[in-house]
């Protein structure tokens, strides 16, 4: 096995185990056993478990963010809110392809479980790492949305981007429950329908009026 193959095997094994058990509960020994490698290979390619986890995340986040920015650039300067939102949501929703709907859906679910487990655990490196991965992308989308939504405050747009990310993650991780509840009326493996529904929801939420400041102040005074 070549060095590149060994590195990929370690990344694949770590990704699978992080999705199943989480970051903290997964040991380097478990990873090397699953990868058919040794600890020296992990140290050579990554240096530590923390750097391995960063590499696992970065190899999935990087292509998603690259595609997001490509889609955003293709829209031009006068893009509609729904099109901007679609540029942001489509890459992760379509991760793994759509030729085999069931296989693509399972792949996205596994990656979402991995991201969800690590995000819930909040290892010390995570916040700074994610900031470096998403700050530029988030800023680009915030500026595009600000141009499409004149009068909206930057704070409101950032909050709503945050909420859109949460809705996307919840949909990817828990949509099987909706399929069961509706007797498969809502099919999470139908990526086209899922994307259209989520874009419509997110675009409407992004365009909604901001809460009046006077109402917020009045509520705060009444709570005293």
C-alpha atoms as a PDB file:
ATOM      1  CA  UNK A   1       0.000   0.000   0.000  1.00  0.00           C
ATOM      2  CA  UNK A   2       1.418   3.413  -0.973  1.00  0.00           C
ATOM      3  CA  UNK A   3       1.736   6.342   1.412  1.00  0.00           C
ATOM      4  CA  UNK A   4      -1.167   8.104  -0.291  1.00  0.00           C
ATOM      5  CA  UNK A   5      -3.335   4.983   0.006  1.00  0.00           C
ATOM      6  CA  UNK A   6      -2.454   4.624   3.681  1.00  0.00           C
ATOM      7  CA  UNK A   7      -3.330   8.246   4.338  1.00  0.00           C
ATOM      8  CA  UNK A   8      -6.712   7.836   2.636  1.00  0.00           C
ATOM      9  CA  UNK A   9      -7.428   4.611   4.532  1.00  0.00           C
ATOM     10  CA  UNK A  10      -6.709   6.377   7.834  1.00  0.00           C
ATOM     11  CA  UNK A  11      -8.955   9.307   6.893  1.00  0.00           C
ATOM     12  CA  UNK A  12     -11.778   6.979   5.837  1.00  0.00           C
ATOM     13  CA  UNK A  13     -11.502   4.900   9.012  1.00  0.00           C
ATOM     14  CA  UNK A  14     -11.424   7.980  11.250  1.00  0.00           C
ATOM     15  CA  UNK A  15     -14.442   9.460   9.470  1.00  0.00           C
ATOM     16  CA  UNK A  16     -16.465   6.278   9.938  1.00  0.00           C
ATOM     17  CA  UNK A  17     -15.507   5.881  13.590  1.00  0.00           C
ATOM     18  CA  UNK A  18     -16.084   9.549  14.438  1.00  0.00           C
ATOM     19  CA  UNK A  19     -19.553   9.228  12.902  1.00  0.00           C
ATOM     20  CA  UNK A  20     -20.302   6.108  14.925  1.00  0.00           C
ATOM     21  CA  UNK A  21     -18.693   6.879  18.291  1.00  0.00           C
ATOM     22  CA  UNK A  22     -17.699  10.554  18.297  1.00  0.00           C
ATOM     23  CA  UNK A  23     -14.289  12.158  18.541  1.00  0.00           C
ATOM     24  CA  UNK A  24     -13.554  11.671  22.245  1.00  0.00           C
ATOM     25  CA  UNK A  25     -14.575   7.991  22.355  1.00  0.00           C
ATOM     26  CA  UNK A  26     -12.541   7.028  19.298  1.00  0.00           C
ATOM     27  CA  UNK A  27      -8.948   6.048  19.979  1.00  0.00           C
ATOM     28  CA  UNK A  28      -6.034   6.123  17.573  1.00  0.00           C
ATOM     29  CA  UNK A  29      -5.717   2.365  18.101  1.00  0.00           C
ATOM     30  CA  UNK A  30      -9.286   1.873  16.835  1.00  0.00           C
ATOM     31  CA  UNK A  31      -8.519   4.018  13.809  1.00  0.00           C
ATOM     32  CA  UNK A  32      -5.286   2.251  12.922  1.00  0.00           C
ATOM     33  CA  UNK A  33      -6.913  -1.163  13.357  1.00  0.00           C
ATOM     34  CA  UNK A  34      -9.798  -0.220  11.064  1.00  0.00           C
ATOM     35  CA  UNK A  35      -7.378   1.289   8.523  1.00  0.00           C
ATOM     36  CA  UNK A  36      -4.951  -1.628   8.614  1.00  0.00           C
ATOM     37  CA  UNK A  37      -2.183   0.820   9.489  1.00  0.00           C
ATOM     38  CA  UNK A  38       0.053   1.508  12.470  1.00  0.00           C
ATOM     39  CA  UNK A  39       0.459   4.433  14.848  1.00  0.00           C
ATOM     40  CA  UNK A  40       3.655   5.505  13.110  1.00  0.00           C
ATOM     41  CA  UNK A  41       1.650   6.098   9.928  1.00  0.00           C
ATOM     42  CA  UNK A  42      -0.788   8.363  11.783  1.00  0.00           C
ATOM     43  CA  UNK A  43       2.086  10.319  13.295  1.00  0.00           C
ATOM     44  CA  UNK A  44       3.803  10.578   9.923  1.00  0.00           C
ATOM     45  CA  UNK A  45       0.789  11.812   7.975  1.00  0.00           C
ATOM     46  CA  UNK A  46      -1.008  13.865  10.644  1.00  0.00           C
ATOM     47  CA  UNK A  47       1.102  14.237  13.786  1.00  0.00           C
ATOM     48  CA  UNK A  48      -1.732  13.837  16.302  1.00  0.00           C
ATOM     49  CA  UNK A  49      -5.348  12.818  16.733  1.00  0.00           C
ATOM     50  CA  UNK A  50      -6.375  16.485  16.716  1.00  0.00           C
ATOM     51  CA  UNK A  51      -4.666  17.141  13.388  1.00  0.00           C
ATOM     52  CA  UNK A  52      -6.190  13.955  11.988  1.00  0.00           C
ATOM     53  CA  UNK A  53      -9.666  15.165  12.994  1.00  0.00           C
ATOM     54  CA  UNK A  54      -9.006  18.521  11.316  1.00  0.00           C
ATOM     55  CA  UNK A  55      -7.929  16.719   8.143  1.00  0.00           C
ATOM     56  CA  UNK A  56     -11.055  14.535   8.226  1.00  0.00           C
ATOM     57  CA  UNK A  57     -13.279  17.612   8.467  1.00  0.00           C
ATOM     58  CA  UNK A  58     -11.313  19.755   6.018  1.00  0.00           C
ATOM     59  CA  UNK A  59     -11.410  17.228   3.190  1.00  0.00           C
ATOM     60  CA  UNK A  60     -15.234  17.368   3.267  1.00  0.00           C
ATOM     61  CA  UNK A  61     -15.688  21.063   4.093  1.00  0.00           C
ATOM     62  CA  UNK A  62     -13.201  22.332   1.489  1.00  0.00           C
ATOM     63  CA  UNK A  63     -14.948  20.988  -1.644  1.00  0.00           C
ATOM     64  CA  UNK A  64     -18.359  22.044  -0.306  1.00  0.00           C
ATOM     65  CA  UNK A  65     -17.194  25.612   0.272  1.00  0.00           C
ATOM     66  CA  UNK A  66     -15.405  25.743  -3.086  1.00  0.00           C
ATOM     67  CA  UNK A  67     -18.609  24.739  -4.860  1.00  0.00           C
ATOM     68  CA  UNK A  68     -20.626  27.233  -2.821  1.00  0.00           C
ATOM     69  CA  UNK A  69     -18.405  30.089  -3.943  1.00  0.00           C
ATOM     70  CA  UNK A  70     -18.408  28.911  -7.563  1.00  0.00           C
ATOM     71  CA  UNK A  71     -22.200  28.850  -7.550  1.00  0.00           C
ATOM     72  CA  UNK A  72     -22.350  32.256  -5.866  1.00  0.00           C
ATOM     73  CA  UNK A  73     -19.933  33.828  -8.365  1.00  0.00           C
ATOM     74  CA  UNK A  74     -21.974  32.429 -11.256  1.00  0.00           C
ATOM     75  CA  UNK A  75     -25.069  34.299 -10.020  1.00  0.00           C
ATOM     76  CA  UNK A  76     -23.631  37.767 -10.614  1.00  0.00           C
ATOM     77  CA  UNK A  77     -24.277  40.916  -8.598  1.00  0.00           C
ATOM     78  CA  UNK A  78     -28.087  41.064  -8.829  1.00  0.00           C
ATOM     79  CA  UNK A  79     -28.960  37.622  -7.541  1.00  0.00           C
ATOM     80  CA  UNK A  80     -32.292  36.792  -5.953  1.00  0.00           C
ATOM     81  CA  UNK A  81     -32.400  35.688  -2.322  1.00  0.00           C
ATOM     82  CA  UNK A  82     -33.605  32.182  -3.211  1.00  0.00           C
ATOM     83  CA  UNK A  83     -30.767  31.711  -5.701  1.00  0.00           C
ATOM     84  CA  UNK A  84     -28.174  32.814  -3.131  1.00  0.00           C
ATOM     85  CA  UNK A  85     -29.648  30.423  -0.576  1.00  0.00           C
ATOM     86  CA  UNK A  86     -29.639  27.610  -3.128  1.00  0.00           C
ATOM     87  CA  UNK A  87     -25.950  28.243  -3.864  1.00  0.00           C
ATOM     88  CA  UNK A  88     -25.276  27.825  -0.150  1.00  0.00           C
ATOM     89  CA  UNK A  89     -27.453  24.755   0.469  1.00  0.00           C
ATOM     90  CA  UNK A  90     -27.131  22.673  -2.690  1.00  0.00           C
ATOM     91  CA  UNK A  91     -23.495  21.514  -2.291  1.00  0.00           C
ATOM     92  CA  UNK A  92     -23.957  19.804   1.100  1.00  0.00           C
ATOM     93  CA  UNK A  93     -27.425  18.532   0.198  1.00  0.00           C
ATOM     94  CA  UNK A  94     -26.057  16.927  -2.959  1.00  0.00           C
ATOM     95  CA  UNK A  95     -22.848  15.607  -1.423  1.00  0.00           C
ATOM     96  CA  UNK A  96     -22.267  12.061  -2.595  1.00  0.00           C
ATOM     97  CA  UNK A  97     -24.173  12.522  -5.839  1.00  0.00           C
ATOM     98  CA  UNK A  98     -27.728  11.718  -6.809  1.00  0.00           C
ATOM     99  CA  UNK A  99     -27.286   8.899  -9.356  1.00  0.00           C
ATOM    100  CA  UNK A 100     -28.054   6.358  -6.653  1.00  0.00           C
ATOM    101  CA  UNK A 101     -30.525   8.196  -4.437  1.00  0.00           C
ATOM    102  CA  UNK A 102     -30.438   5.793  -1.504  1.00  0.00           C
ATOM    103  CA  UNK A 103     -26.650   5.532  -1.509  1.00  0.00           C
ATOM    104  CA  UNK A 104     -26.180   9.290  -1.747  1.00  0.00           C
ATOM    105  CA  UNK A 105     -28.660   9.858   1.080  1.00  0.00           C
ATOM    106  CA  UNK A 106     -26.886   7.361   3.334  1.00  0.00           C
ATOM    107  CA  UNK A 107     -23.521   8.961   2.622  1.00  0.00           C
ATOM    108  CA  UNK A 108     -24.821  12.420   3.514  1.00  0.00           C
ATOM    109  CA  UNK A 109     -26.382  11.082   6.698  1.00  0.00           C
ATOM    110  CA  UNK A 110     -23.084   9.524   7.787  1.00  0.00           C
ATOM    111  CA  UNK A 111     -21.154  12.731   7.222  1.00  0.00           C
ATOM    112  CA  UNK A 112     -23.827  14.721   9.010  1.00  0.00           C
ATOM    113  CA  UNK A 113     -23.611  12.373  12.011  1.00  0.00           C
ATOM    114  CA  UNK A 114     -19.847  12.870  12.081  1.00  0.00           C
ATOM    115  CA  UNK A 115     -20.111  16.652  11.961  1.00  0.00           C
ATOM    116  CA  UNK A 116     -22.943  16.566  14.482  1.00  0.00           C
ATOM    117  CA  UNK A 117     -21.081  14.406  17.009  1.00  0.00           C
ATOM    118  CA  UNK A 118     -17.912  16.481  16.838  1.00  0.00           C
ATOM    119  CA  UNK A 119     -19.880  19.742  17.016  1.00  0.00           C
ATOM    120  CA  UNK A 120     -21.764  18.508  20.069  1.00  0.00           C
ATOM    121  CA  UNK A 121     -18.578  17.429  21.831  1.00  0.00           C
ATOM    122  CA  UNK A 122     -16.857  20.760  21.050  1.00  0.00           C
ATOM    123  CA  UNK A 123     -13.219  19.602  21.334  1.00  0.00           C
ATOM    124  CA  UNK A 124     -10.888  22.532  22.137  1.00  0.00           C
ATOM    125  CA  UNK A 125      -9.637  22.954  18.580  1.00  0.00           C
ATOM    126  CA  UNK A 126     -13.050  23.028  16.924  1.00  0.00           C
ATOM    127  CA  UNK A 127     -14.201  26.645  17.230  1.00  0.00           C
ATOM    128  CA  UNK A 128     -11.018  28.166  15.830  1.00  0.00           C
ATOM    129  CA  UNK A 129     -10.795  25.532  13.126  1.00  0.00           C
ATOM    130  CA  UNK A 130     -14.366  26.103  11.934  1.00  0.00           C
ATOM    131  CA  UNK A 131     -13.851  29.869  11.946  1.00  0.00           C
ATOM    132  CA  UNK A 132     -10.948  29.492   9.536  1.00  0.00           C
ATOM    133  CA  UNK A 133     -13.015  27.185   7.319  1.00  0.00           C
ATOM    134  CA  UNK A 134     -16.200  29.266   7.175  1.00  0.00           C
ATOM    135  CA  UNK A 135     -15.368  32.920   7.877  1.00  0.00           C
ATOM    136  CA  UNK A 136     -14.620  33.923   4.277  1.00  0.00           C
ATOM    137  CA  UNK A 137     -17.476  31.881   2.836  1.00  0.00           C
ATOM    138  CA  UNK A 138     -19.935  33.241   5.387  1.00  0.00           C
ATOM    139  CA  UNK A 139     -18.812  36.815   4.717  1.00  0.00           C
ATOM    140  CA  UNK A 140     -19.226  36.380   0.966  1.00  0.00           C
ATOM    141  CA  UNK A 141     -22.765  35.084   1.377  1.00  0.00           C
ATOM    142  CA  UNK A 142     -23.616  37.772   3.938  1.00  0.00           C
ATOM    143  CA  UNK A 143     -22.576  40.484   1.468  1.00  0.00           C
ATOM    144  CA  UNK A 144     -24.577  38.884  -1.343  1.00  0.00           C
ATOM    145  CA  UNK A 145     -27.663  38.629   0.856  1.00  0.00           C
ATOM    146  CA  UNK A 146     -27.221  42.212   2.056  1.00  0.00           C
ATOM    147  CA  UNK A 147     -27.263  43.380  -1.576  1.00  0.00           C
ATOM    148  CA  UNK A 148     -30.415  41.361  -2.236  1.00  0.00           C
ATOM    149  CA  UNK A 149     -32.095  42.514   1.001  1.00  0.00           C
ATOM    150  CA  UNK A 150     -31.531  46.277   1.278  1.00  0.00           C
ATOM    151  CA  UNK A 151     -32.292  47.533   4.759  1.00  0.00           C
ATOM    152  CA  UNK A 152     -31.574  44.252   6.524  1.00  0.00           C
ATOM    153  CA  UNK A 153     -28.961  44.600   9.248  1.00  0.00           C
ATOM    154  CA  UNK A 154     -25.784  42.549   9.078  1.00  0.00           C
ATOM    155  CA  UNK A 155     -26.640  41.039  12.452  1.00  0.00           C
ATOM    156  CA  UNK A 156     -30.027  39.821  11.181  1.00  0.00           C
ATOM    157  CA  UNK A 157     -28.479  38.242   8.100  1.00  0.00           C
ATOM    158  CA  UNK A 158     -25.769  36.492  10.132  1.00  0.00           C
ATOM    159  CA  UNK A 159     -28.357  35.163  12.600  1.00  0.00           C
ATOM    160  CA  UNK A 160     -30.451  33.819   9.739  1.00  0.00           C
ATOM    161  CA  UNK A 161     -27.492  32.181   8.041  1.00  0.00           C
ATOM    162  CA  UNK A 162     -26.875  30.503  11.396  1.00  0.00           C
ATOM    163  CA  UNK A 163     -30.496  29.329  11.520  1.00  0.00           C
ATOM    164  CA  UNK A 164     -30.333  28.069   7.913  1.00  0.00           C
ATOM    165  CA  UNK A 165     -27.267  25.965   8.771  1.00  0.00           C
ATOM    166  CA  UNK A 166     -29.196  24.490  11.706  1.00  0.00           C
ATOM    167  CA  UNK A 167     -32.222  23.684   9.539  1.00  0.00           C
ATOM    168  CA  UNK A 168     -29.974  22.044   6.947  1.00  0.00           C
ATOM    169  CA  UNK A 169     -28.143  19.926   9.530  1.00  0.00           C
ATOM    170  CA  UNK A 170     -31.412  18.864  11.192  1.00  0.00           C
ATOM    171  CA  UNK A 171     -32.899  17.935   7.828  1.00  0.00           C
ATOM    172  CA  UNK A 172     -29.912  15.833   6.797  1.00  0.00           C
ATOM    173  CA  UNK A 173     -29.671  14.043  10.119  1.00  0.00           C
ATOM    174  CA  UNK A 174     -33.318  13.560  11.091  1.00  0.00           C
ATOM    175  CA  UNK A 175     -35.415  13.515   7.923  1.00  0.00           C
ATOM    176  CA  UNK A 176     -35.928   9.746   8.237  1.00  0.00           C
ATOM    177  CA  UNK A 177     -38.271  10.526  11.111  1.00  0.00           C
ATOM    178  CA  UNK A 178     -40.348  12.732   8.805  1.00  0.00           C
ATOM    179  CA  UNK A 179     -40.430   9.999   6.167  1.00  0.00           C
ATOM    180  CA  UNK A 180     -41.714   7.544   8.777  1.00  0.00           C
ATOM    181  CA  UNK A 181     -44.270  10.032  10.120  1.00  0.00           C
ATOM    182  CA  UNK A 182     -45.681  10.804   6.671  1.00  0.00           C
ATOM    183  CA  UNK A 183     -45.546   7.300   5.247  1.00  0.00           C
ATOM    184  CA  UNK A 184     -42.787   8.406   2.856  1.00  0.00           C
ATOM    185  CA  UNK A 185     -44.845  11.311   1.571  1.00  0.00           C
ATOM    186  CA  UNK A 186     -41.683  13.288   2.358  1.00  0.00           C
ATOM    187  CA  UNK A 187     -38.822  11.245   0.905  1.00  0.00           C
ATOM    188  CA  UNK A 188     -35.387  12.449   2.111  1.00  0.00           C
ATOM    189  CA  UNK A 189     -33.626  10.540  -0.670  1.00  0.00           C
ATOM    190  CA  UNK A 190     -35.405  12.757  -3.237  1.00  0.00           C
ATOM    191  CA  UNK A 191     -32.747  15.458  -3.203  1.00  0.00           C
ATOM    192  CA  UNK A 192     -34.510  17.675  -5.752  1.00  0.00           C
ATOM    193  CA  UNK A 193     -37.650  17.921  -3.618  1.00  0.00           C
ATOM    194  CA  UNK A 194     -35.665  18.280  -0.393  1.00  0.00           C
ATOM    195  CA  UNK A 195     -33.572  21.101  -1.859  1.00  0.00           C
ATOM    196  CA  UNK A 196     -36.599  22.972  -3.255  1.00  0.00           C
ATOM    197  CA  UNK A 197     -38.481  22.760   0.040  1.00  0.00           C
ATOM    198  CA  UNK A 198     -35.529  23.858   2.157  1.00  0.00           C
ATOM    199  CA  UNK A 199     -34.615  26.720  -0.194  1.00  0.00           C
ATOM    200  CA  UNK A 200     -38.209  28.000  -0.152  1.00  0.00           C
ATOM    201  CA  UNK A 201     -38.311  27.822   3.660  1.00  0.00           C
ATOM    202  CA  UNK A 202     -34.915  29.485   4.109  1.00  0.00           C
ATOM    203  CA  UNK A 203     -35.491  32.220   1.526  1.00  0.00           C
ATOM    204  CA  UNK A 204     -38.803  33.144   3.135  1.00  0.00           C
ATOM    205  CA  UNK A 205     -37.221  33.259   6.569  1.00  0.00           C
ATOM    206  CA  UNK A 206     -34.280  35.314   5.310  1.00  0.00           C
ATOM    207  CA  UNK A 207     -36.657  37.859   3.746  1.00  0.00           C
ATOM    208  CA  UNK A 208     -38.935  38.192   6.791  1.00  0.00           C
ATOM    209  CA  UNK A 209     -39.079  41.520   8.618  1.00  0.00           C
ATOM    210  CA  UNK A 210     -36.729  42.045  11.528  1.00  0.00           C
ATOM    211  CA  UNK A 211     -38.285  42.125  15.028  1.00  0.00           C
ATOM    212  CA  UNK A 212     -39.053  45.756  15.917  1.00  0.00           C
ATOM    213  CA  UNK A 213     -36.539  47.168  18.378  1.00  0.00           C
ATOM    214  CA  UNK A 214     -39.314  48.916  20.316  1.00  0.00           C
ATOM    215  CA  UNK A 215     -41.076  45.618  20.904  1.00  0.00           C
ATOM    216  CA  UNK A 216     -37.880  44.017  22.158  1.00  0.00           C
ATOM    217  CA  UNK A 217     -37.247  46.944  24.522  1.00  0.00           C
ATOM    218  CA  UNK A 218     -40.801  46.856  25.816  1.00  0.00           C
ATOM    219  CA  UNK A 219     -40.572  43.117  26.483  1.00  0.00           C
ATOM    220  CA  UNK A 220     -37.312  43.604  28.341  1.00  0.00           C
ATOM    221  CA  UNK A 221     -38.818  46.318  30.537  1.00  0.00           C
ATOM    222  CA  UNK A 222     -41.893  44.232  31.246  1.00  0.00           C
ATOM    223  CA  UNK A 223     -39.740  41.341  32.453  1.00  0.00           C
ATOM    224  CA  UNK A 224     -38.152  43.396  35.199  1.00  0.00           C
END
